[in-house]
Structure formats: C-alpha cells, structure tokens
Amino acid sequence: MSQDDTGASEEVARMDFSPFVRNYFPSAGLLRMKLVDVSQEDTSLHVVFDGVPEIRAGRFGVRIATPAHVGDERWNDFPVAGDDMEEWASLAIILDLVEVYDTTAQGSTVLPDSDGIIWLS
C-alpha cells in the first residue's frame, strides 16, 4: 500500500507472472519438464517442476527475480515491446528456467529440501 498526496491509501498492483508460466509451460514443451507448482511472492517467482529422466530426474525448483513494475531495472533486462507481461514472461522466465536447469541440474550436489525439491536458484 502507498499513500497519495492527501494521505489516502491506494492499492499498488503486484505483477503476478504465475498465470503466464502455467499457460506457457505445457505449450512450449520445455524439454519435457513437467510443471508441478508456480507461485509469485513479491518480486520472486518460484517454479517447481519434474526434471527429464534422460538429463536428470528429480523434482527441481528455481526462484526467478521478476520486475516490480513495467520499466523497472529487471523489466528492462529483456527487450519487450510496450508493457506485455506475457511476452516478458516468455523471454525472461522461461529462458532463465531452461538455462538454469540445463547448466546446473546435471552437476548439482544440492540435496533436496524437506519437500523433496532440489532448489537450483
């Protein structure tokens, strides 16, 4: 919540990228990874998925930084026309997720947490 010049509170819209990931994940194929859960917490998106047995089987998680608003520093890390959250998600989130899994999962020695998730980032 923030306050305007009169002192009245106004709701600040939170950017929630989880619906885009839910919709995009199965349609993209994403190396046959299976989405288990996705949630947005402030400017951190948590994605949990089952890995590909031929690469590394297991349940994995990634935490991806998301922008607080259109035009902030994180938003500007990726070239998006206008304020299209879906395009930003497909470029930033999906690419980050695939890159982290491809480069980190095979060599990871991190043990699963109490929920059986190996957090890669």
Foldseek 3Di string as FASTA:
>chain_A
DDADPVRDDDDQDFDWCQVLCVVVVVVVCLVVKAWDDWGDDRQWIKTWIADDVVQPGFIEIEIFGHDRACPDPRNVVDDDPDRDSSVSCVPRVSVVVSVLCNVFVNPDPAAADPVRYRYSD
